[in-house]
């Protein structure tokens, strides 16, 4: 049950992950000179903060509450590994996208 729930949360988490990636590319990493900004991005950071902050907080709260309930259902001998497994399974869909692109030759 933990595996299915966290994989589903990982698919839902692709949206906040993608938006966070776009924010990081356009603002802090571009300010450091590691990337270039999107030429049409001229609204500043405020719209990003208005959209991204509630989205990330909502996803993190959903993930924490779902895994808190799932941890109570986990047997005692596996309960210690629950949070690491939950984080790994939730990040699996996001980590599989670049691997799939490499395998298919898109990069």
PDB file of N, CA and C in Angstrom:
ATOM      1  N   UNK A   1       0.825  -1.193   0.000  1.00  0.00           N
ATOM      2  CA  UNK A   1       0.000   0.000   0.000  1.00  0.00           C
ATOM      3  C   UNK A   1       0.868   1.255   0.000  1.00  0.00           C
ATOM      4  N   UNK A   2       1.965   1.201   0.743  1.00  0.00           N
ATOM      5  CA  UNK A   2       2.876   2.341   0.787  1.00  0.00           C
ATOM      6  C   UNK A   2       3.486   2.601  -0.583  1.00  0.00           C
ATOM      7  N   UNK A   3       3.815   1.534  -1.296  1.00  0.00           N
ATOM      8  CA  UNK A   3       4.441   1.679  -2.608  1.00  0.00           C
ATOM      9  C   UNK A   3       3.485   2.361  -3.577  1.00  0.00           C
ATOM     10  N   UNK A   4       2.261   1.885  -3.659  1.00  0.00           N
ATOM     11  CA  UNK A   4       1.289   2.450  -4.598  1.00  0.00           C
ATOM     12  C   UNK A   4       0.954   3.893  -4.250  1.00  0.00           C
ATOM     13  N   UNK A   5       0.753   4.170  -2.975  1.00  0.00           N
ATOM     14  CA  UNK A   5       0.394   5.529  -2.566  1.00  0.00           C
ATOM     15  C   UNK A   5       1.513   6.516  -2.872  1.00  0.00           C
ATOM     16  N   UNK A   6       2.745   6.138  -2.591  1.00  0.00           N
ATOM     17  CA  UNK A   6       3.850   7.066  -2.824  1.00  0.00           C
ATOM     18  C   UNK A   6       4.189   7.210  -4.298  1.00  0.00           C
ATOM     19  N   UNK A   7       3.993   6.166  -5.091  1.00  0.00           N
ATOM     20  CA  UNK A   7       4.181   6.320  -6.531  1.00  0.00           C
ATOM     21  C   UNK A   7       3.121   7.243  -7.120  1.00  0.00           C
ATOM     22  N   UNK A   8       1.879   7.133  -6.641  1.00  0.00           N
ATOM     23  CA  UNK A   8       0.822   8.051  -7.090  1.00  0.00           C
ATOM     24  C   UNK A   8       1.121   9.483  -6.659  1.00  0.00           C
ATOM     25  N   UNK A   9       1.608   9.653  -5.436  1.00  0.00           N
ATOM     26  CA  UNK A   9       1.999  10.989  -4.985  1.00  0.00           C
ATOM     27  C   UNK A   9       3.165  11.521  -5.814  1.00  0.00           C
ATOM     28  N   UNK A  10       4.036  10.644  -6.261  1.00  0.00           N
ATOM     29  CA  UNK A  10       5.140  11.068  -7.111  1.00  0.00           C
ATOM     30  C   UNK A  10       4.668  11.571  -8.462  1.00  0.00           C
ATOM     31  N   UNK A  11       3.634  10.944  -9.010  1.00  0.00           N
ATOM     32  CA  UNK A  11       3.077  11.409 -10.282  1.00  0.00           C
ATOM     33  C   UNK A  11       2.423  12.772 -10.088  1.00  0.00           C
ATOM     34  N   UNK A  12       1.685  12.941  -8.995  1.00  0.00           N
ATOM     35  CA  UNK A  12       1.077  14.239  -8.688  1.00  0.00           C
ATOM     36  C   UNK A  12       2.167  15.279  -8.431  1.00  0.00           C
ATOM     37  N   UNK A  13       3.257  14.859  -7.812  1.00  0.00           N
ATOM     38  CA  UNK A  13       4.346  15.772  -7.477  1.00  0.00           C
ATOM     39  C   UNK A  13       5.167  16.232  -8.663  1.00  0.00           C
ATOM     40  N   UNK A  14       4.925  15.686  -9.848  1.00  0.00           N
ATOM     41  CA  UNK A  14       5.655  16.145 -11.025  1.00  0.00           C
ATOM     42  C   UNK A  14       5.351  17.604 -11.344  1.00  0.00           C
ATOM     43  N   UNK A  15       4.134  18.048 -11.090  1.00  0.00           N
ATOM     44  CA  UNK A  15       3.765  19.439 -11.383  1.00  0.00           C
ATOM     45  C   UNK A  15       4.542  20.408 -10.494  1.00  0.00           C
ATOM     46  N   UNK A  16       4.521  20.255  -9.153  1.00  0.00           N
ATOM     47  CA  UNK A  16       5.335  21.175  -8.348  1.00  0.00           C
ATOM     48  C   UNK A  16       6.830  21.050  -8.632  1.00  0.00           C
ATOM     49  N   UNK A  17       7.305  19.843  -8.915  1.00  0.00           N
ATOM     50  CA  UNK A  17       8.723  19.653  -9.230  1.00  0.00           C
ATOM     51  C   UNK A  17       9.101  20.398 -10.507  1.00  0.00           C
ATOM     52  N   UNK A  18       8.271  20.305 -11.532  1.00  0.00           N
ATOM     53  CA  UNK A  18       8.542  20.988 -12.793  1.00  0.00           C
ATOM     54  C   UNK A  18       8.532  22.502 -12.608  1.00  0.00           C
ATOM     55  N   UNK A  19       7.544  23.016 -11.865  1.00  0.00           N
ATOM     56  CA  UNK A  19       7.486  24.462 -11.634  1.00  0.00           C
ATOM     57  C   UNK A  19       8.664  24.944 -10.794  1.00  0.00           C
ATOM     58  N   UNK A  20       9.071  24.155  -9.812  1.00  0.00           N
ATOM     59  CA  UNK A  20      10.240  24.517  -9.012  1.00  0.00           C
ATOM     60  C   UNK A  20      11.498  24.529  -9.881  1.00  0.00           C
ATOM     61  N   UNK A  21      11.610  23.578 -10.790  1.00  0.00           N
ATOM     62  CA  UNK A  21      12.754  23.541 -11.694  1.00  0.00           C
ATOM     63  C   UNK A  21      12.780  24.784 -12.583  1.00  0.00           C
ATOM     64  N   UNK A  22      11.631  25.180 -13.119  1.00  0.00           N
ATOM     65  CA  UNK A  22      11.576  26.383 -13.947  1.00  0.00           C
ATOM     66  C   UNK A  22      11.942  27.629 -13.151  1.00  0.00           C
ATOM     67  N   UNK A  23      11.469  27.708 -11.913  1.00  0.00           N
ATOM     68  CA  UNK A  23      11.803  28.844 -11.057  1.00  0.00           C
ATOM     69  C   UNK A  23      13.308  28.910 -10.809  1.00  0.00           C
ATOM     70  N   UNK A  24      13.907  27.769 -10.473  1.00  0.00           N
ATOM     71  CA  UNK A  24      15.342  27.748 -10.190  1.00  0.00           C
ATOM     72  C   UNK A  24      16.166  28.109 -11.425  1.00  0.00           C
ATOM     73  N   UNK A  25      15.740  27.657 -12.583  1.00  0.00           N
ATOM     74  CA  UNK A  25      16.475  27.968 -13.815  1.00  0.00           C
ATOM     75  C   UNK A  25      16.384  29.453 -14.141  1.00  0.00           C
ATOM     76  N   UNK A  26      15.212  30.060 -13.956  1.00  0.00           N
ATOM     77  CA  UNK A  26      15.022  31.453 -14.349  1.00  0.00           C
ATOM     78  C   UNK A  26      15.559  32.468 -13.353  1.00  0.00           C
ATOM     79  N   UNK A  27      15.669  32.120 -12.097  1.00  0.00           N
ATOM     80  CA  UNK A  27      16.048  33.143 -11.127  1.00  0.00           C
ATOM     81  C   UNK A  27      17.376  32.874 -10.433  1.00  0.00           C
ATOM     82  N   UNK A  28      17.484  31.973  -9.455  1.00  0.00           N
ATOM     83  CA  UNK A  28      18.771  31.878  -8.755  1.00  0.00           C
ATOM     84  C   UNK A  28      19.918  31.354  -9.621  1.00  0.00           C
ATOM     85  N   UNK A  29      19.654  30.346 -10.436  1.00  0.00           N
ATOM     86  CA  UNK A  29      20.739  29.809 -11.263  1.00  0.00           C
ATOM     87  C   UNK A  29      21.133  30.773 -12.374  1.00  0.00           C
ATOM     88  N   UNK A  30      20.173  31.533 -12.892  1.00  0.00           N
ATOM     89  CA  UNK A  30      20.502  32.545 -13.903  1.00  0.00           C
ATOM     90  C   UNK A  30      21.274  33.701 -13.277  1.00  0.00           C
ATOM     91  N   UNK A  31      20.954  34.053 -12.041  1.00  0.00           N
ATOM     92  CA  UNK A  31      21.693  35.121 -11.361  1.00  0.00           C
ATOM     93  C   UNK A  31      23.135  34.714 -11.095  1.00  0.00           C
ATOM     94  N   UNK A  32      23.370  33.427 -10.886  1.00  0.00           N
ATOM     95  CA  UNK A  32      24.732  32.935 -10.685  1.00  0.00           C
ATOM     96  C   UNK A  32      25.479  32.736 -11.999  1.00  0.00           C
ATOM     97  N   UNK A  33      24.783  32.858 -13.115  1.00  0.00           N
ATOM     98  CA  UNK A  33      25.413  32.695 -14.415  1.00  0.00           C
ATOM     99  C   UNK A  33      25.485  31.256 -14.888  1.00  0.00           C
ATOM    100  N   UNK A  34      24.803  30.351 -14.213  1.00  0.00           N
ATOM    101  CA  UNK A  34      24.846  28.944 -14.602  1.00  0.00           C
ATOM    102  C   UNK A  34      23.867  28.608 -15.723  1.00  0.00           C
ATOM    103  N   UNK A  35      22.792  29.387 -15.834  1.00  0.00           N
ATOM    104  CA  UNK A  35      21.807  29.197 -16.903  1.00  0.00           C
ATOM    105  C   UNK A  35      21.460  30.569 -17.467  1.00  0.00           C
ATOM    106  N   UNK A  36      20.675  30.579 -18.524  1.00  0.00           N
ATOM    107  CA  UNK A  36      20.197  31.857 -19.057  1.00  0.00           C
ATOM    108  C   UNK A  36      18.702  31.960 -18.792  1.00  0.00           C
ATOM    109  N   UNK A  37      18.247  33.178 -18.556  1.00  0.00           N
ATOM    110  CA  UNK A  37      16.829  33.391 -18.266  1.00  0.00           C
ATOM    111  C   UNK A  37      15.988  33.237 -19.515  1.00  0.00           C
ATOM    112  N   UNK A  38      14.741  32.892 -19.286  1.00  0.00           N
ATOM    113  CA  UNK A  38      13.762  32.842 -20.366  1.00  0.00           C
ATOM    114  C   UNK A  38      13.556  34.277 -20.857  1.00  0.00           C
ATOM    115  N   UNK A  39      13.683  34.537 -22.163  1.00  0.00           N
ATOM    116  CA  UNK A  39      13.590  35.921 -22.640  1.00  0.00           C
ATOM    117  C   UNK A  39      12.227  36.563 -22.421  1.00  0.00           C
ATOM    118  N   UNK A  40      11.167  35.773 -22.353  1.00  0.00           N
ATOM    119  CA  UNK A  40       9.839  36.357 -22.159  1.00  0.00           C
ATOM    120  C   UNK A  40       9.455  36.469 -20.687  1.00  0.00           C
ATOM    121  N   UNK A  41      10.336  36.077 -19.788  1.00  0.00           N
ATOM    122  CA  UNK A  41      10.052  36.147 -18.350  1.00  0.00           C
ATOM    123  C   UNK A  41      10.392  37.545 -17.850  1.00  0.00           C
ATOM    124  N   UNK A  42       9.375  38.403 -17.735  1.00  0.00           N
ATOM    125  CA  UNK A  42       9.614  39.767 -17.284  1.00  0.00           C
ATOM    126  C   UNK A  42       8.675  40.178 -16.151  1.00  0.00           C
ATOM    127  N   UNK A  43       8.007  39.222 -15.529  1.00  0.00           N
ATOM    128  CA  UNK A  43       7.078  39.539 -14.455  1.00  0.00           C
ATOM    129  C   UNK A  43       7.750  39.608 -13.096  1.00  0.00           C
ATOM    130  N   UNK A  44       8.931  39.087 -12.968  1.00  0.00           N
ATOM    131  CA  UNK A  44       9.619  39.090 -11.686  1.00  0.00           C
ATOM    132  C   UNK A  44       9.295  37.844 -10.879  1.00  0.00           C
ATOM    133  N   UNK A  45       9.665  37.896  -9.602  1.00  0.00           N
ATOM    134  CA  UNK A  45       9.516  36.722  -8.738  1.00  0.00           C
ATOM    135  C   UNK A  45       8.150  36.627  -8.069  1.00  0.00           C
ATOM    136  N   UNK A  46       7.414  37.712  -7.982  1.00  0.00           N
ATOM    137  CA  UNK A  46       6.160  37.691  -7.233  1.00  0.00           C
ATOM    138  C   UNK A  46       5.147  36.678  -7.771  1.00  0.00           C
ATOM    139  N   UNK A  47       4.873  36.622  -9.073  1.00  0.00           N
ATOM    140  CA  UNK A  47       3.923  35.600  -9.542  1.00  0.00           C
ATOM    141  C   UNK A  47       4.380  34.176  -9.236  1.00  0.00           C
ATOM    142  N   UNK A  48       5.683  33.954  -9.299  1.00  0.00           N
ATOM    143  CA  UNK A  48       6.195  32.632  -8.955  1.00  0.00           C
ATOM    144  C   UNK A  48       5.950  32.324  -7.492  1.00  0.00           C
ATOM    145  N   UNK A  49       6.163  33.310  -6.635  1.00  0.00           N
ATOM    146  CA  UNK A  49       5.949  33.090  -5.204  1.00  0.00           C
ATOM    147  C   UNK A  49       4.475  32.829  -4.907  1.00  0.00           C
ATOM    148  N   UNK A  50       3.593  33.527  -5.603  1.00  0.00           N
ATOM    149  CA  UNK A  50       2.153  33.363  -5.373  1.00  0.00           C
ATOM    150  C   UNK A  50       1.681  31.980  -5.820  1.00  0.00           C
ATOM    151  N   UNK A  51       2.227  31.467  -6.897  1.00  0.00           N
ATOM    152  CA  UNK A  51       1.804  30.165  -7.416  1.00  0.00           C
ATOM    153  C   UNK A  51       2.573  29.021  -6.764  1.00  0.00           C
ATOM    154  N   UNK A  52       3.876  29.159  -6.675  1.00  0.00           N
ATOM    155  CA  UNK A  52       4.722  28.047  -6.265  1.00  0.00           C
ATOM    156  C   UNK A  52       4.650  27.752  -4.773  1.00  0.00           C
ATOM    157  N   UNK A  53       4.591  28.781  -3.945  1.00  0.00           N
ATOM    158  CA  UNK A  53       4.593  28.556  -2.498  1.00  0.00           C
ATOM    159  C   UNK A  53       3.384  27.745  -2.029  1.00  0.00           C
ATOM    160  N   UNK A  54       2.141  28.134  -2.367  1.00  0.00           N
ATOM    161  CA  UNK A  54       1.014  27.295  -1.923  1.00  0.00           C
ATOM    162  C   UNK A  54       1.022  25.902  -2.541  1.00  0.00           C
ATOM    163  N   UNK A  55       1.480  25.803  -3.779  1.00  0.00           N
ATOM    164  CA  UNK A  55       1.519  24.497  -4.438  1.00  0.00           C
ATOM    165  C   UNK A  55       2.509  23.566  -3.745  1.00  0.00           C
ATOM    166  N   UNK A  56       3.697  24.059  -3.440  1.00  0.00           N
ATOM    167  CA  UNK A  56       4.689  23.234  -2.750  1.00  0.00           C
ATOM    168  C   UNK A  56       4.258  22.905  -1.327  1.00  0.00           C
ATOM    169  N   UNK A  57       3.714  23.894  -0.621  1.00  0.00           N
ATOM    170  CA  UNK A  57       3.250  23.633   0.746  1.00  0.00           C
ATOM    171  C   UNK A  57       2.103  22.631   0.759  1.00  0.00           C
ATOM    172  N   UNK A  58       1.189  22.756  -0.190  1.00  0.00           N
ATOM    173  CA  UNK A  58       0.078  21.813  -0.269  1.00  0.00           C
ATOM    174  C   UNK A  58       0.542  20.403  -0.581  1.00  0.00           C
ATOM    175  N   UNK A  59       1.471  20.270  -1.513  1.00  0.00           N
ATOM    176  CA  UNK A  59       1.981  18.939  -1.839  1.00  0.00           C
ATOM    177  C   UNK A  59       2.738  18.339  -0.666  1.00  0.00           C
ATOM    178  N   UNK A  60       3.583  19.138  -0.009  1.00  0.00           N
ATOM    179  CA  UNK A  60       4.342  18.624   1.143  1.00  0.00           C
ATOM    180  C   UNK A  60       3.409  18.216   2.281  1.00  0.00           C
ATOM    181  N   UNK A  61       2.353  18.997   2.514  1.00  0.00           N
ATOM    182  CA  UNK A  61       1.392  18.642   3.558  1.00  0.00           C
ATOM    183  C   UNK A  61       0.647  17.358   3.195  1.00  0.00           C
ATOM    184  N   UNK A  62       0.238  17.231   1.938  1.00  0.00           N
ATOM    185  CA  UNK A  62      -0.439  16.011   1.489  1.00  0.00           C
ATOM    186  C   UNK A  62       0.475  14.804   1.629  1.00  0.00           C
ATOM    187  N   UNK A  63       1.734  14.947   1.226  1.00  0.00           N
ATOM    188  CA  UNK A  63       2.698  13.850   1.324  1.00  0.00           C
ATOM    189  C   UNK A  63       2.924  13.455   2.776  1.00  0.00           C
ATOM    190  N   UNK A  64       3.109  14.443   3.643  1.00  0.00           N
ATOM    191  CA  UNK A  64       3.377  14.150   5.051  1.00  0.00           C
ATOM    192  C   UNK A  64       2.183  13.479   5.718  1.00  0.00           C
ATOM    193  N   UNK A  65       0.981  14.012   5.494  1.00  0.00           N
ATOM    194  CA  UNK A  65      -0.207  13.439   6.135  1.00  0.00           C
ATOM    195  C   UNK A  65      -0.507  12.034   5.606  1.00  0.00           C
ATOM    196  N   UNK A  66      -0.334  11.829   4.310  1.00  0.00           N
ATOM    197  CA  UNK A  66      -0.567  10.487   3.753  1.00  0.00           C
ATOM    198  C   UNK A  66       0.429   9.488   4.324  1.00  0.00           C
ATOM    199  N   UNK A  67       1.682   9.888   4.430  1.00  0.00           N
ATOM    200  CA  UNK A  67       2.696   8.966   4.939  1.00  0.00           C
ATOM    201  C   UNK A  67       2.631   8.806   6.447  1.00  0.00           C
ATOM    202  N   UNK A  68       2.105   9.777   7.137  1.00  0.00           N
ATOM    203  CA  UNK A  68       1.896   9.618   8.572  1.00  0.00           C
ATOM    204  C   UNK A  68       0.857   8.530   8.824  1.00  0.00           C
ATOM    205  N   UNK A  69      -0.215   8.546   8.030  1.00  0.00           N
ATOM    206  CA  UNK A  69      -1.217   7.490   8.146  1.00  0.00           C
ATOM    207  C   UNK A  69      -0.696   6.136   7.702  1.00  0.00           C
ATOM    208  N   UNK A  70       0.093   6.129   6.635  1.00  0.00           N
ATOM    209  CA  UNK A  70       0.650   4.863   6.152  1.00  0.00           C
ATOM    210  C   UNK A  70       1.695   4.299   7.109  1.00  0.00           C
ATOM    211  N   UNK A  71       2.408   5.160   7.804  1.00  0.00           N
ATOM    212  CA  UNK A  71       3.415   4.672   8.748  1.00  0.00           C
ATOM    213  C   UNK A  71       2.756   3.939   9.905  1.00  0.00           C
ATOM    214  N   UNK A  72       1.577   4.391  10.306  1.00  0.00           N
ATOM    215  CA  UNK A  72       0.857   3.703  11.381  1.00  0.00           C
ATOM    216  C   UNK A  72       0.410   2.306  10.958  1.00  0.00           C
ATOM    217  N   UNK A  73       0.244   2.090   9.661  1.00  0.00           N
ATOM    218  CA  UNK A  73      -0.144   0.773   9.160  1.00  0.00           C
ATOM    219  C   UNK A  73       1.059  -0.128   8.900  1.00  0.00           C
ATOM    220  N   UNK A  74       2.254   0.444   8.927  1.00  0.00           N
ATOM    221  CA  UNK A  74       3.475  -0.314   8.652  1.00  0.00           C
ATOM    222  C   UNK A  74       3.847  -1.152   9.861  1.00  0.00           C
ATOM    223  N   UNK A  75       4.234  -2.407   9.670  1.00  0.00           N
ATOM    224  CA  UNK A  75       4.676  -3.227  10.806  1.00  0.00           C
ATOM    225  C   UNK A  75       5.878  -2.587  11.509  1.00  0.00           C
ATOM    226  N   UNK A  76       6.008  -2.878  12.788  1.00  0.00           N
ATOM    227  CA  UNK A  76       7.025  -2.227  13.618  1.00  0.00           C
ATOM    228  C   UNK A  76       8.442  -2.470  13.115  1.00  0.00           C
ATOM    229  N   UNK A  77       8.715  -3.645  12.557  1.00  0.00           N
ATOM    230  CA  UNK A  77      10.086  -3.928  12.122  1.00  0.00           C
ATOM    231  C   UNK A  77      10.473  -3.144  10.868  1.00  0.00           C
ATOM    232  N   UNK A  78       9.487  -2.636  10.107  1.00  0.00           N
ATOM    233  CA  UNK A  78       9.775  -1.860   8.900  1.00  0.00           C
ATOM    234  C   UNK A  78       9.491  -0.372   9.081  1.00  0.00           C
ATOM    235  N   UNK A  79       9.002   0.015  10.228  1.00  0.00           N
ATOM    236  CA  UNK A  79       8.589   1.404  10.427  1.00  0.00           C
ATOM    237  C   UNK A  79       9.759   2.374  10.369  1.00  0.00           C
ATOM    238  N   UNK A  80      10.932   1.919  10.745  1.00  0.00           N
ATOM    239  CA  UNK A  80      12.087   2.811  10.760  1.00  0.00           C
ATOM    240  C   UNK A  80      12.501   3.217   9.344  1.00  0.00           C
ATOM    241  N   UNK A  81      12.304   2.341   8.377  1.00  0.00           N
ATOM    242  CA  UNK A  81      12.679   2.619   6.991  1.00  0.00           C
ATOM    243  C   UNK A  81      11.563   3.282   6.195  1.00  0.00           C
ATOM    244  N   UNK A  82      10.431   3.528   6.803  1.00  0.00           N
ATOM    245  CA  UNK A  82       9.270   4.014   6.059  1.00  0.00           C
ATOM    246  C   UNK A  82       9.526   5.358   5.381  1.00  0.00           C
ATOM    247  N   UNK A  83      10.080   6.322   6.092  1.00  0.00           N
ATOM    248  CA  UNK A  83      10.227   7.672   5.546  1.00  0.00           C
ATOM    249  C   UNK A  83      11.231   7.699   4.395  1.00  0.00           C
ATOM    250  N   UNK A  84      12.326   6.936   4.494  1.00  0.00           N
ATOM    251  CA  UNK A  84      13.292   6.881   3.397  1.00  0.00           C
ATOM    252  C   UNK A  84      12.672   6.225   2.169  1.00  0.00           C
ATOM    253  N   UNK A  85      11.940   5.154   2.383  1.00  0.00           N
ATOM    254  CA  UNK A  85      11.280   4.476   1.274  1.00  0.00           C
ATOM    255  C   UNK A  85      10.224   5.375   0.641  1.00  0.00           C
ATOM    256  N   UNK A  86       9.479   6.099   1.471  1.00  0.00           N
ATOM    257  CA  UNK A  86       8.449   7.001   0.953  1.00  0.00           C
ATOM    258  C   UNK A  86       9.068   8.106   0.098  1.00  0.00           C
ATOM    259  N   UNK A  87      10.166   8.682   0.550  1.00  0.00           N
ATOM    260  CA  UNK A  87      10.829   9.737  -0.221  1.00  0.00           C
ATOM    261  C   UNK A  87      11.386   9.191  -1.534  1.00  0.00           C
ATOM    262  N   UNK A  88      11.966   8.011  -1.494  1.00  0.00           N
ATOM    263  CA  UNK A  88      12.520   7.407  -2.707  1.00  0.00           C
ATOM    264  C   UNK A  88      11.421   7.079  -3.715  1.00  0.00           C
ATOM    265  N   UNK A  89      10.324   6.502  -3.239  1.00  0.00           N
ATOM    266  CA  UNK A  89       9.230   6.145  -4.142  1.00  0.00           C
ATOM    267  C   UNK A  89       8.533   7.377  -4.703  1.00  0.00           C
ATOM    268  N   UNK A  90       8.430   8.436  -3.911  1.00  0.00           N
ATOM    269  CA  UNK A  90       7.794   9.654  -4.398  1.00  0.00           C
ATOM    270  C   UNK A  90       8.655  10.324  -5.459  1.00  0.00           C
ATOM    271  N   UNK A  91       9.953  10.235  -5.321  1.00  0.00           N
ATOM    272  CA  UNK A  91      10.832  10.862  -6.313  1.00  0.00           C
ATOM    273  C   UNK A  91      11.068   9.981  -7.538  1.00  0.00           C
ATOM    274  N   UNK A  92      10.635   8.744  -7.518  1.00  0.00           N
ATOM    275  CA  UNK A  92      10.879   7.826  -8.639  1.00  0.00           C
ATOM    276  C   UNK A  92      10.296   8.321  -9.966  1.00  0.00           C
ATOM    277  N   UNK A  93       9.058   8.827 -10.031  1.00  0.00           N
ATOM    278  CA  UNK A  93       8.572   9.319 -11.328  1.00  0.00           C
ATOM    279  C   UNK A  93       9.383  10.493 -11.863  1.00  0.00           C
ATOM    280  N   UNK A  94       9.801  11.400 -10.991  1.00  0.00           N
ATOM    281  CA  UNK A  94      10.593  12.543 -11.450  1.00  0.00           C
ATOM    282  C   UNK A  94      11.981  12.107 -11.902  1.00  0.00           C
ATOM    283  N   UNK A  95      12.548  11.118 -11.240  1.00  0.00           N
ATOM    284  CA  UNK A  95      13.876  10.637 -11.621  1.00  0.00           C
ATOM    285  C   UNK A  95      13.834   9.754 -12.866  1.00  0.00           C
ATOM    286  N   UNK A  96      12.678   9.168 -13.147  1.00  0.00           N
ATOM    287  CA  UNK A  96      12.584   8.294 -14.317  1.00  0.00           C
ATOM    288  C   UNK A  96      12.472   9.080 -15.623  1.00  0.00           C
ATOM    289  N   UNK A  97      12.072  10.335 -15.576  1.00  0.00           N
ATOM    290  CA  UNK A  97      11.940  11.119 -16.806  1.00  0.00           C
ATOM    291  C   UNK A  97      13.280  11.339 -17.513  1.00  0.00           C
ATOM    292  N   UNK A  98      14.335  11.806 -16.824  1.00  0.00           N
ATOM    293  CA  UNK A  98      15.611  11.944 -17.541  1.00  0.00           C
ATOM    294  C   UNK A  98      16.208  10.605 -17.971  1.00  0.00           C
ATOM    295  N   UNK A  99      15.984   9.567 -17.186  1.00  0.00           N
ATOM    296  CA  UNK A  99      16.494   8.244 -17.569  1.00  0.00           C
ATOM    297  C   UNK A  99      15.801   7.771 -18.842  1.00  0.00           C
ATOM    298  N   UNK A 100      14.491   7.971 -18.906  1.00  0.00           N
ATOM    299  CA  UNK A 100      13.754   7.604 -20.112  1.00  0.00           C
ATOM    300  C   UNK A 100      14.187   8.409 -21.324  1.00  0.00           C
ATOM    301  N   UNK A 101      14.498   9.680 -21.121  1.00  0.00           N
ATOM    302  CA  UNK A 101      14.968  10.510 -22.231  1.00  0.00           C
ATOM    303  C   UNK A 101      16.345  10.060 -22.705  1.00  0.00           C
ATOM    304  N   UNK A 102      17.202   9.666 -21.776  1.00  0.00           N
ATOM    305  CA  UNK A 102      18.529   9.173 -22.161  1.00  0.00           C
ATOM    306  C   UNK A 102      18.438   7.860 -22.936  1.00  0.00           C
ATOM    307  N   UNK A 103      17.562   6.978 -22.476  1.00  0.00           N
ATOM    308  CA  UNK A 103      17.418   5.677 -23.134  1.00  0.00           C
ATOM    309  C   UNK A 103      16.837   5.839 -24.533  1.00  0.00           C
ATOM    310  N   UNK A 104      15.874   6.744 -24.684  1.00  0.00           N
ATOM    311  CA  UNK A 104      15.241   6.915 -25.990  1.00  0.00           C
ATOM    312  C   UNK A 104      16.086   7.745 -26.949  1.00  0.00           C
ATOM    313  N   UNK A 105      17.128   8.382 -26.445  1.00  0.00           N
ATOM    314  CA  UNK A 105      17.998   9.180 -27.304  1.00  0.00           C
ATOM    315  C   UNK A 105      17.528  10.600 -27.498  1.00  0.00           C
ATOM    316  N   UNK A 106      16.676  11.109 -26.622  1.00  0.00           N
ATOM    317  CA  UNK A 106      16.173  12.472 -26.752  1.00  0.00           C
ATOM    318  C   UNK A 106      17.212  13.517 -26.383  1.00  0.00           C
ATOM    319  N   UNK A 107      18.200  13.138 -25.590  1.00  0.00           N
ATOM    320  CA  UNK A 107      19.232  14.108 -25.193  1.00  0.00           C
ATOM    321  C   UNK A 107      20.327  14.141 -26.206  1.00  0.00           C
TER     322      UNK A 107
END
